[in-house]
Amino acid sequence: SPNLDSVEPYALLALGSGFFAALAYIYVRELRKTDSPTSVVFWFAIFSVAGSTIQAAPDLLSLDLHTFAALVGVGIGAGGGQVGITMAYQKANAAWVSAFSYGTVIIATMYGFFLFDEALSIADWAGGILIVGSGIALVFLAPPAQPLDKSSQN
């Protein structure tokens, strides 16, 4: 539930994240011609771990076993999700894939409601409907997928 009266500078990182994620999806679409999804995710993971380790170095030694196990779980879940989304972007129409990825809004909302007793305001519901509606609109307004040019793969 962001408050639009003031913008938190760290919240702008999410905007930058979206920009870089879009670049990554464009590169994945190009890499589908030469690399497998697992290869793309492997190199993504290597560079992500390297960058994250540098940022997290001051706090690494203070992690307890429970926190470390939770972080490993997050990594495994994120890695599995990344393989799936990479395969999807390599093989399917990007508009369809991105529309289905908006399902994360619904899933996160259900987790919050059922596991953490979170209550959503009217603005939260309106924002969620707007996001999911945009994804649905992408599916119906997207141009048909162009088949891969098999001659360029040789």
N, C-alpha and C. Protein backbone atom coordinates (compact mmCIF):
# COMPACT_ATOMS: atom_id res chain seq x y z
N SER A 1 0.83 -1.19 0.00
CA SER A 1 0.00 0.00 0.00
C SER A 1 0.87 1.24 0.00
N PRO A 2 1.45 1.58 -1.11
CA PRO A 2 2.32 2.76 -1.11
C PRO A 2 1.53 4.04 -0.85
N ASN A 3 2.17 4.94 -0.19
CA ASN A 3 1.60 6.25 0.07
C ASN A 3 2.20 7.21 -0.95
N LEU A 4 1.37 7.83 -1.74
CA LEU A 4 1.87 8.68 -2.81
C LEU A 4 2.19 10.09 -2.35
N ASP A 5 2.00 10.37 -1.04
CA ASP A 5 2.35 11.69 -0.53
C ASP A 5 3.86 11.92 -0.55
N SER A 6 4.62 10.84 -0.36
CA SER A 6 6.07 10.94 -0.41
C SER A 6 6.61 9.66 -1.04
N VAL A 7 7.71 9.78 -1.72
CA VAL A 7 8.32 8.63 -2.38
C VAL A 7 9.58 8.26 -1.61
N GLU A 8 9.63 7.00 -1.17
CA GLU A 8 10.82 6.52 -0.49
C GLU A 8 11.89 6.25 -1.53
N PRO A 9 13.08 6.79 -1.33
CA PRO A 9 14.14 6.59 -2.33
C PRO A 9 14.44 5.12 -2.61
N TYR A 10 14.38 4.29 -1.56
CA TYR A 10 14.67 2.87 -1.78
C TYR A 10 13.58 2.17 -2.58
N ALA A 11 12.37 2.71 -2.55
CA ALA A 11 11.29 2.13 -3.34
C ALA A 11 11.55 2.31 -4.83
N LEU A 12 12.33 3.32 -5.17
CA LEU A 12 12.68 3.53 -6.58
C LEU A 12 13.56 2.40 -7.12
N LEU A 13 14.17 1.63 -6.21
CA LEU A 13 14.94 0.47 -6.65
C LEU A 13 14.05 -0.52 -7.39
N ALA A 14 12.79 -0.60 -7.00
CA ALA A 14 11.86 -1.49 -7.69
C ALA A 14 11.66 -1.05 -9.14
N LEU A 15 11.63 0.24 -9.36
CA LEU A 15 11.51 0.75 -10.73
C LEU A 15 12.74 0.36 -11.55
N GLY A 16 13.91 0.53 -10.96
CA GLY A 16 15.14 0.11 -11.63
C GLY A 16 15.17 -1.39 -11.87
N SER A 17 14.65 -2.13 -10.91
CA SER A 17 14.59 -3.58 -11.05
C SER A 17 13.73 -3.97 -12.25
N GLY A 18 12.60 -3.31 -12.41
CA GLY A 18 11.74 -3.58 -13.55
C GLY A 18 12.42 -3.27 -14.88
N PHE A 19 13.19 -2.19 -14.90
CA PHE A 19 13.93 -1.82 -16.11
C PHE A 19 14.94 -2.90 -16.47
N PHE A 20 15.71 -3.35 -15.47
CA PHE A 20 16.73 -4.36 -15.74
C PHE A 20 16.11 -5.72 -16.03
N ALA A 21 14.96 -6.03 -15.41
CA ALA A 21 14.28 -7.28 -15.73
C ALA A 21 13.82 -7.27 -17.19
N ALA A 22 13.31 -6.15 -17.65
CA ALA A 22 12.89 -6.05 -19.05
C ALA A 22 14.07 -6.27 -19.99
N LEU A 23 15.22 -5.68 -19.66
CA LEU A 23 16.42 -5.93 -20.47
C LEU A 23 16.78 -7.41 -20.48
N ALA A 24 16.70 -8.03 -19.31
CA ALA A 24 17.02 -9.46 -19.22
C ALA A 24 16.10 -10.28 -20.10
N TYR A 25 14.81 -9.96 -20.12
CA TYR A 25 13.87 -10.71 -20.94
C TYR A 25 14.18 -10.54 -22.42
N ILE A 26 14.61 -9.35 -22.81
CA ILE A 26 14.99 -9.12 -24.20
C ILE A 26 16.20 -9.98 -24.57
N TYR A 27 17.18 -10.02 -23.67
CA TYR A 27 18.36 -10.85 -23.93
C TYR A 27 18.01 -12.33 -23.97
N VAL A 28 17.10 -12.76 -23.10
CA VAL A 28 16.68 -14.16 -23.11
C VAL A 28 16.04 -14.51 -24.44
N ARG A 29 15.25 -13.59 -24.98
CA ARG A 29 14.62 -13.85 -26.27
C ARG A 29 15.68 -14.03 -27.37
N GLU A 30 16.78 -13.30 -27.28
CA GLU A 30 17.86 -13.46 -28.25
C GLU A 30 18.67 -14.73 -27.99
N LEU A 31 18.89 -15.04 -26.72
CA LEU A 31 19.70 -16.21 -26.37
C LEU A 31 19.00 -17.52 -26.70
N ARG A 32 17.69 -17.50 -26.91
CA ARG A 32 16.99 -18.74 -27.24
C ARG A 32 17.50 -19.36 -28.53
N LYS A 33 18.14 -18.54 -29.35
CA LYS A 33 18.66 -19.03 -30.63
C LYS A 33 19.96 -19.81 -30.44
N THR A 34 20.66 -19.56 -29.33
CA THR A 34 21.98 -20.16 -29.18
C THR A 34 22.18 -20.95 -27.89
N ASP A 35 21.39 -20.69 -26.84
CA ASP A 35 21.63 -21.31 -25.54
C ASP A 35 20.38 -21.96 -24.99
N SER A 36 20.60 -22.93 -24.10
CA SER A 36 19.48 -23.59 -23.42
C SER A 36 19.04 -22.76 -22.23
N PRO A 37 17.80 -22.93 -21.78
CA PRO A 37 17.34 -22.19 -20.59
C PRO A 37 18.19 -22.45 -19.36
N THR A 38 18.65 -23.69 -19.17
CA THR A 38 19.46 -23.98 -17.99
C THR A 38 20.81 -23.28 -18.06
N SER A 39 21.36 -23.13 -19.24
CA SER A 39 22.62 -22.40 -19.39
C SER A 39 22.43 -20.93 -19.05
N VAL A 40 21.34 -20.35 -19.51
CA VAL A 40 21.05 -18.94 -19.21
C VAL A 40 20.89 -18.75 -17.71
N VAL A 41 20.13 -19.63 -17.07
CA VAL A 41 19.90 -19.52 -15.63
C VAL A 41 21.18 -19.76 -14.85
N PHE A 42 22.02 -20.69 -15.31
CA PHE A 42 23.29 -20.94 -14.63
C PHE A 42 24.13 -19.67 -14.57
N TRP A 43 24.30 -19.01 -15.71
CA TRP A 43 25.13 -17.80 -15.72
C TRP A 43 24.46 -16.65 -14.97
N PHE A 44 23.13 -16.60 -15.05
CA PHE A 44 22.39 -15.62 -14.26
C PHE A 44 22.68 -15.83 -12.77
N ALA A 45 22.62 -17.09 -12.34
CA ALA A 45 22.86 -17.40 -10.92
C ALA A 45 24.29 -17.08 -10.51
N ILE A 46 25.25 -17.40 -11.36
CA ILE A 46 26.66 -17.12 -11.02
C ILE A 46 26.87 -15.63 -10.79
N PHE A 47 26.41 -14.81 -11.71
CA PHE A 47 26.60 -13.36 -11.56
C PHE A 47 25.76 -12.79 -10.41
N SER A 48 24.58 -13.36 -10.19
CA SER A 48 23.75 -12.90 -9.08
C SER A 48 24.40 -13.21 -7.73
N VAL A 49 24.93 -14.42 -7.60
CA VAL A 49 25.59 -14.79 -6.34
C VAL A 49 26.82 -13.91 -6.11
N ALA A 50 27.59 -13.68 -7.16
CA ALA A 50 28.78 -12.84 -7.02
C ALA A 50 28.40 -11.43 -6.56
N GLY A 51 27.42 -10.83 -7.22
CA GLY A 51 27.00 -9.48 -6.86
C GLY A 51 26.38 -9.43 -5.48
N SER A 52 25.56 -10.42 -5.14
CA SER A 52 24.89 -10.44 -3.84
C SER A 52 25.87 -10.68 -2.71
N THR A 53 26.86 -11.52 -2.94
CA THR A 53 27.84 -11.81 -1.89
C THR A 53 28.62 -10.56 -1.52
N ILE A 54 28.96 -9.77 -2.50
CA ILE A 54 29.68 -8.52 -2.22
C ILE A 54 28.83 -7.60 -1.34
N GLN A 55 27.55 -7.48 -1.69
CA GLN A 55 26.66 -6.60 -0.92
C GLN A 55 26.36 -7.15 0.47
N ALA A 56 26.26 -8.48 0.59
CA ALA A 56 25.87 -9.09 1.86
C ALA A 56 27.05 -9.43 2.77
N ALA A 57 28.26 -9.27 2.28
CA ALA A 57 29.46 -9.69 3.03
C ALA A 57 29.47 -9.22 4.48
N PRO A 58 29.12 -7.97 4.79
CA PRO A 58 29.17 -7.55 6.19
C PRO A 58 28.23 -8.33 7.11
N ASP A 59 27.17 -8.91 6.57
CA ASP A 59 26.18 -9.59 7.40
C ASP A 59 26.28 -11.11 7.36
N LEU A 60 27.11 -11.67 6.50
CA LEU A 60 27.15 -13.12 6.31
C LEU A 60 27.51 -13.88 7.58
N LEU A 61 28.44 -13.39 8.35
CA LEU A 61 28.89 -14.11 9.54
C LEU A 61 27.89 -14.04 10.69
N SER A 62 26.94 -13.13 10.62
CA SER A 62 25.97 -13.00 11.70
C SER A 62 24.70 -13.83 11.48
N LEU A 63 24.62 -14.60 10.40
CA LEU A 63 23.43 -15.40 10.12
C LEU A 63 23.36 -16.61 11.03
N ASP A 64 22.18 -16.85 11.62
CA ASP A 64 22.00 -18.08 12.38
C ASP A 64 21.56 -19.18 11.42
N LEU A 65 21.51 -20.42 11.91
CA LEU A 65 21.22 -21.57 11.06
C LEU A 65 19.81 -21.48 10.46
N HIS A 66 18.84 -21.03 11.23
CA HIS A 66 17.47 -20.91 10.75
C HIS A 66 17.38 -19.91 9.59
N THR A 67 18.02 -18.77 9.75
CA THR A 67 18.01 -17.75 8.69
C THR A 67 18.74 -18.26 7.47
N PHE A 68 19.87 -18.92 7.67
CA PHE A 68 20.63 -19.47 6.55
C PHE A 68 19.79 -20.50 5.78
N ALA A 69 19.08 -21.38 6.51
CA ALA A 69 18.23 -22.38 5.86
C ALA A 69 17.10 -21.70 5.08
N ALA A 70 16.52 -20.65 5.65
CA ALA A 70 15.46 -19.92 4.94
C ALA A 70 16.00 -19.29 3.66
N LEU A 71 17.21 -18.74 3.72
CA LEU A 71 17.81 -18.14 2.53
C LEU A 71 18.11 -19.18 1.46
N VAL A 72 18.53 -20.36 1.89
CA VAL A 72 18.76 -21.45 0.93
C VAL A 72 17.43 -21.83 0.26
N GLY A 73 16.37 -21.90 1.06
CA GLY A 73 15.04 -22.19 0.50
C GLY A 73 14.60 -21.15 -0.50
N VAL A 74 14.83 -19.89 -0.17
CA VAL A 74 14.49 -18.80 -1.10
C VAL A 74 15.29 -18.97 -2.39
N GLY A 75 16.56 -19.29 -2.26
CA GLY A 75 17.40 -19.47 -3.45
C GLY A 75 16.94 -20.61 -4.32
N ILE A 76 16.57 -21.72 -3.70
CA ILE A 76 16.09 -22.88 -4.47
C ILE A 76 14.77 -22.54 -5.17
N GLY A 77 13.87 -21.92 -4.44
CA GLY A 77 12.59 -21.52 -5.05
C GLY A 77 12.79 -20.53 -6.18
N ALA A 78 13.63 -19.54 -5.96
CA ALA A 78 13.88 -18.53 -6.99
C ALA A 78 14.57 -19.15 -8.20
N GLY A 79 15.51 -20.07 -7.95
CA GLY A 79 16.19 -20.73 -9.07
C GLY A 79 15.23 -21.55 -9.91
N GLY A 80 14.34 -22.30 -9.25
CA GLY A 80 13.34 -23.08 -9.98
C GLY A 80 12.40 -22.18 -10.77
N GLY A 81 11.98 -21.10 -10.14
CA GLY A 81 11.12 -20.15 -10.83
C GLY A 81 11.83 -19.51 -12.01
N GLN A 82 13.11 -19.21 -11.84
CA GLN A 82 13.86 -18.57 -12.92
C GLN A 82 14.04 -19.51 -14.11
N VAL A 83 14.28 -20.80 -13.84
CA VAL A 83 14.38 -21.77 -14.94
C VAL A 83 13.06 -21.81 -15.70
N GLY A 84 11.96 -21.88 -14.96
CA GLY A 84 10.64 -21.93 -15.61
C GLY A 84 10.34 -20.70 -16.44
N ILE A 85 10.59 -19.52 -15.89
CA ILE A 85 10.27 -18.29 -16.63
C ILE A 85 11.19 -18.12 -17.83
N THR A 86 12.45 -18.54 -17.68
CA THR A 86 13.39 -18.46 -18.80
C THR A 86 12.95 -19.39 -19.93
N MET A 87 12.56 -20.61 -19.57
CA MET A 87 12.08 -21.54 -20.60
C MET A 87 10.84 -20.98 -21.28
N ALA A 88 9.95 -20.40 -20.49
CA ALA A 88 8.73 -19.85 -21.06
C ALA A 88 9.03 -18.71 -22.03
N TYR A 89 9.92 -17.79 -21.63
CA TYR A 89 10.24 -16.67 -22.52
C TYR A 89 10.99 -17.13 -23.76
N GLN A 90 11.71 -18.25 -23.67
CA GLN A 90 12.40 -18.74 -24.85
C GLN A 90 11.45 -19.41 -25.83
N LYS A 91 10.41 -20.03 -25.33
CA LYS A 91 9.58 -20.87 -26.18
C LYS A 91 8.22 -20.28 -26.55
N ALA A 92 7.75 -19.29 -25.80
CA ALA A 92 6.39 -18.80 -26.01
C ALA A 92 6.37 -17.31 -26.31
N ASN A 93 5.22 -16.85 -26.73
CA ASN A 93 4.99 -15.44 -26.99
C ASN A 93 5.18 -14.66 -25.68
N ALA A 94 5.99 -13.62 -25.72
CA ALA A 94 6.32 -12.85 -24.51
C ALA A 94 5.08 -12.24 -23.86
N ALA A 95 4.11 -11.83 -24.65
CA ALA A 95 2.88 -11.24 -24.08
C ALA A 95 2.13 -12.28 -23.26
N TRP A 96 2.06 -13.51 -23.75
CA TRP A 96 1.39 -14.58 -23.01
C TRP A 96 2.14 -14.87 -21.72
N VAL A 97 3.44 -15.00 -21.83
CA VAL A 97 4.24 -15.34 -20.65
C VAL A 97 4.10 -14.25 -19.59
N SER A 98 4.24 -13.01 -19.99
CA SER A 98 4.16 -11.93 -19.00
C SER A 98 2.77 -11.85 -18.39
N ALA A 99 1.73 -12.17 -19.16
CA ALA A 99 0.37 -12.16 -18.62
C ALA A 99 0.23 -13.22 -17.53
N PHE A 100 0.77 -14.40 -17.77
CA PHE A 100 0.70 -15.45 -16.75
C PHE A 100 1.57 -15.12 -15.54
N SER A 101 2.64 -14.40 -15.76
CA SER A 101 3.50 -14.05 -14.62
C SER A 101 2.81 -13.09 -13.67
N TYR A 102 1.76 -12.40 -14.13
CA TYR A 102 0.99 -11.56 -13.23
C TYR A 102 0.23 -12.39 -12.20
N GLY A 103 0.16 -13.68 -12.42
CA GLY A 103 -0.44 -14.57 -11.42
C GLY A 103 0.28 -14.51 -10.09
N THR A 104 1.52 -14.06 -10.11
CA THR A 104 2.25 -13.93 -8.85
C THR A 104 1.57 -12.95 -7.91
N VAL A 105 0.89 -11.96 -8.46
CA VAL A 105 0.14 -11.00 -7.63
C VAL A 105 -0.96 -11.75 -6.87
N ILE A 106 -1.67 -12.62 -7.57
CA ILE A 106 -2.75 -13.38 -6.95
C ILE A 106 -2.20 -14.35 -5.92
N ILE A 107 -1.14 -15.06 -6.27
CA ILE A 107 -0.56 -16.04 -5.35
C ILE A 107 -0.01 -15.36 -4.10
N ALA A 108 0.70 -14.25 -4.28
CA ALA A 108 1.24 -13.53 -3.12
C ALA A 108 0.12 -13.01 -2.23
N THR A 109 -0.98 -12.57 -2.84
CA THR A 109 -2.12 -12.09 -2.07
C THR A 109 -2.74 -13.23 -1.26
N MET A 110 -2.87 -14.39 -1.87
CA MET A 110 -3.43 -15.54 -1.15
C MET A 110 -2.52 -15.97 0.00
N TYR A 111 -1.20 -16.01 -0.25
CA TYR A 111 -0.27 -16.34 0.84
C TYR A 111 -0.42 -15.35 1.98
N GLY A 112 -0.44 -14.07 1.65
CA GLY A 112 -0.56 -13.05 2.68
C GLY A 112 -1.84 -13.19 3.47
N PHE A 113 -2.93 -13.46 2.78
CA PHE A 113 -4.23 -13.57 3.44
C PHE A 113 -4.31 -14.81 4.33
N PHE A 114 -3.95 -15.98 3.77
CA PHE A 114 -4.13 -17.23 4.50
C PHE A 114 -3.00 -17.55 5.49
N LEU A 115 -1.77 -17.19 5.17
CA LEU A 115 -0.66 -17.53 6.04
C LEU A 115 -0.29 -16.44 7.04
N PHE A 116 -0.50 -15.18 6.65
CA PHE A 116 -0.03 -14.08 7.49
C PHE A 116 -1.15 -13.16 7.98
N ASP A 117 -2.40 -13.56 7.75
CA ASP A 117 -3.57 -12.76 8.18
C ASP A 117 -3.50 -11.30 7.74
N GLU A 118 -3.01 -11.08 6.53
CA GLU A 118 -2.96 -9.71 6.00
C GLU A 118 -4.34 -9.34 5.45
N ALA A 119 -4.71 -8.11 5.67
CA ALA A 119 -5.97 -7.60 5.13
C ALA A 119 -5.63 -6.55 4.08
N LEU A 120 -6.38 -6.58 2.99
CA LEU A 120 -6.13 -5.64 1.91
C LEU A 120 -7.13 -4.50 1.95
N SER A 121 -6.64 -3.30 1.66
CA SER A 121 -7.53 -2.14 1.58
C SER A 121 -8.17 -2.10 0.19
N ILE A 122 -9.12 -1.22 0.02
CA ILE A 122 -9.77 -1.04 -1.28
C ILE A 122 -8.73 -0.66 -2.34
N ALA A 123 -7.77 0.20 -1.97
CA ALA A 123 -6.72 0.60 -2.91
C ALA A 123 -5.86 -0.59 -3.32
N ASP A 124 -5.58 -1.51 -2.37
CA ASP A 124 -4.82 -2.72 -2.69
C ASP A 124 -5.56 -3.58 -3.69
N TRP A 125 -6.86 -3.78 -3.44
CA TRP A 125 -7.68 -4.57 -4.37
C TRP A 125 -7.74 -3.91 -5.74
N ALA A 126 -7.90 -2.60 -5.76
CA ALA A 126 -7.97 -1.89 -7.04
C ALA A 126 -6.66 -2.02 -7.80
N GLY A 127 -5.54 -1.88 -7.10
CA GLY A 127 -4.23 -2.03 -7.74
C GLY A 127 -4.02 -3.43 -8.28
N GLY A 128 -4.40 -4.44 -7.50
CA GLY A 128 -4.28 -5.82 -7.95
C GLY A 128 -5.12 -6.11 -9.17
N ILE A 129 -6.35 -5.60 -9.15
CA ILE A 129 -7.24 -5.78 -10.31
C ILE A 129 -6.67 -5.08 -11.54
N LEU A 130 -6.10 -3.91 -11.34
CA LEU A 130 -5.48 -3.18 -12.45
C LEU A 130 -4.30 -3.96 -13.04
N ILE A 131 -3.47 -4.53 -12.17
CA ILE A 131 -2.31 -5.29 -12.65
C ILE A 131 -2.75 -6.55 -13.38
N VAL A 132 -3.63 -7.32 -12.76
CA VAL A 132 -4.10 -8.56 -13.39
C VAL A 132 -4.88 -8.25 -14.66
N GLY A 133 -5.69 -7.20 -14.63
CA GLY A 133 -6.43 -6.80 -15.83
C GLY A 133 -5.50 -6.41 -16.97
N SER A 134 -4.41 -5.76 -16.64
CA SER A 134 -3.42 -5.40 -17.67
C SER A 134 -2.82 -6.65 -18.30
N GLY A 135 -2.55 -7.65 -17.47
CA GLY A 135 -2.02 -8.91 -18.00
C GLY A 135 -3.00 -9.59 -18.92
N ILE A 136 -4.27 -9.60 -18.54
CA ILE A 136 -5.30 -10.20 -19.38
C ILE A 136 -5.42 -9.42 -20.69
N ALA A 137 -5.38 -8.10 -20.61
CA ALA A 137 -5.46 -7.28 -21.82
C ALA A 137 -4.29 -7.58 -22.76
N LEU A 138 -3.10 -7.80 -22.20
CA LEU A 138 -1.93 -8.15 -23.02
C LEU A 138 -2.19 -9.40 -23.85
N VAL A 139 -2.84 -10.38 -23.23
CA VAL A 139 -3.10 -11.63 -23.93
C VAL A 139 -4.00 -11.40 -25.15
N PHE A 140 -5.02 -10.59 -24.97
CA PHE A 140 -5.99 -10.40 -26.05
C PHE A 140 -5.58 -9.34 -27.06
N LEU A 141 -4.68 -8.44 -26.69
CA LEU A 141 -4.27 -7.37 -27.59
C LEU A 141 -2.91 -7.61 -28.24
N ALA A 142 -2.22 -8.68 -27.85
CA ALA A 142 -0.88 -8.95 -28.38
C ALA A 142 -0.95 -9.42 -29.83
N PRO A 143 0.03 -9.01 -30.64
CA PRO A 143 0.07 -9.52 -32.01
C PRO A 143 0.42 -11.01 -31.99
N PRO A 144 0.04 -11.74 -33.03
CA PRO A 144 0.35 -13.17 -33.05
C PRO A 144 1.86 -13.40 -33.03
N ALA A 145 2.26 -14.52 -32.44
CA ALA A 145 3.68 -14.85 -32.33
C ALA A 145 4.26 -15.14 -33.70
N GLN A 146 5.48 -14.68 -33.89
CA GLN A 146 6.21 -14.97 -35.12
C GLN A 146 7.01 -16.25 -34.91
N PRO A 147 6.93 -17.22 -35.83
CA PRO A 147 7.71 -18.45 -35.65
C PRO A 147 9.20 -18.15 -35.76
N LEU A 148 9.99 -18.95 -35.07
CA LEU A 148 11.45 -18.80 -35.14
C LEU A 148 11.92 -19.11 -36.55
N ASP A 149 12.89 -18.35 -37.02
CA ASP A 149 13.49 -18.57 -38.33
C ASP A 149 14.48 -19.72 -38.20
N LYS A 150 14.11 -20.90 -38.73
CA LYS A 150 14.96 -22.09 -38.59
C LYS A 150 16.27 -21.95 -39.36
N SER A 151 16.31 -21.13 -40.41
CA SER A 151 17.53 -20.99 -41.20
C SER A 151 18.60 -20.24 -40.43
N SER A 152 18.22 -19.39 -39.47
CA SER A 152 19.22 -18.62 -38.73
C SER A 152 19.85 -19.43 -37.61
N GLN A 153 19.29 -20.64 -37.32
CA GLN A 153 19.84 -21.46 -36.25
C GLN A 153 20.94 -22.37 -36.74
N ASN A 154 21.18 -22.46 -38.01
CA ASN A 154 22.22 -23.35 -38.54
C ASN A 154 23.55 -22.68 -38.60
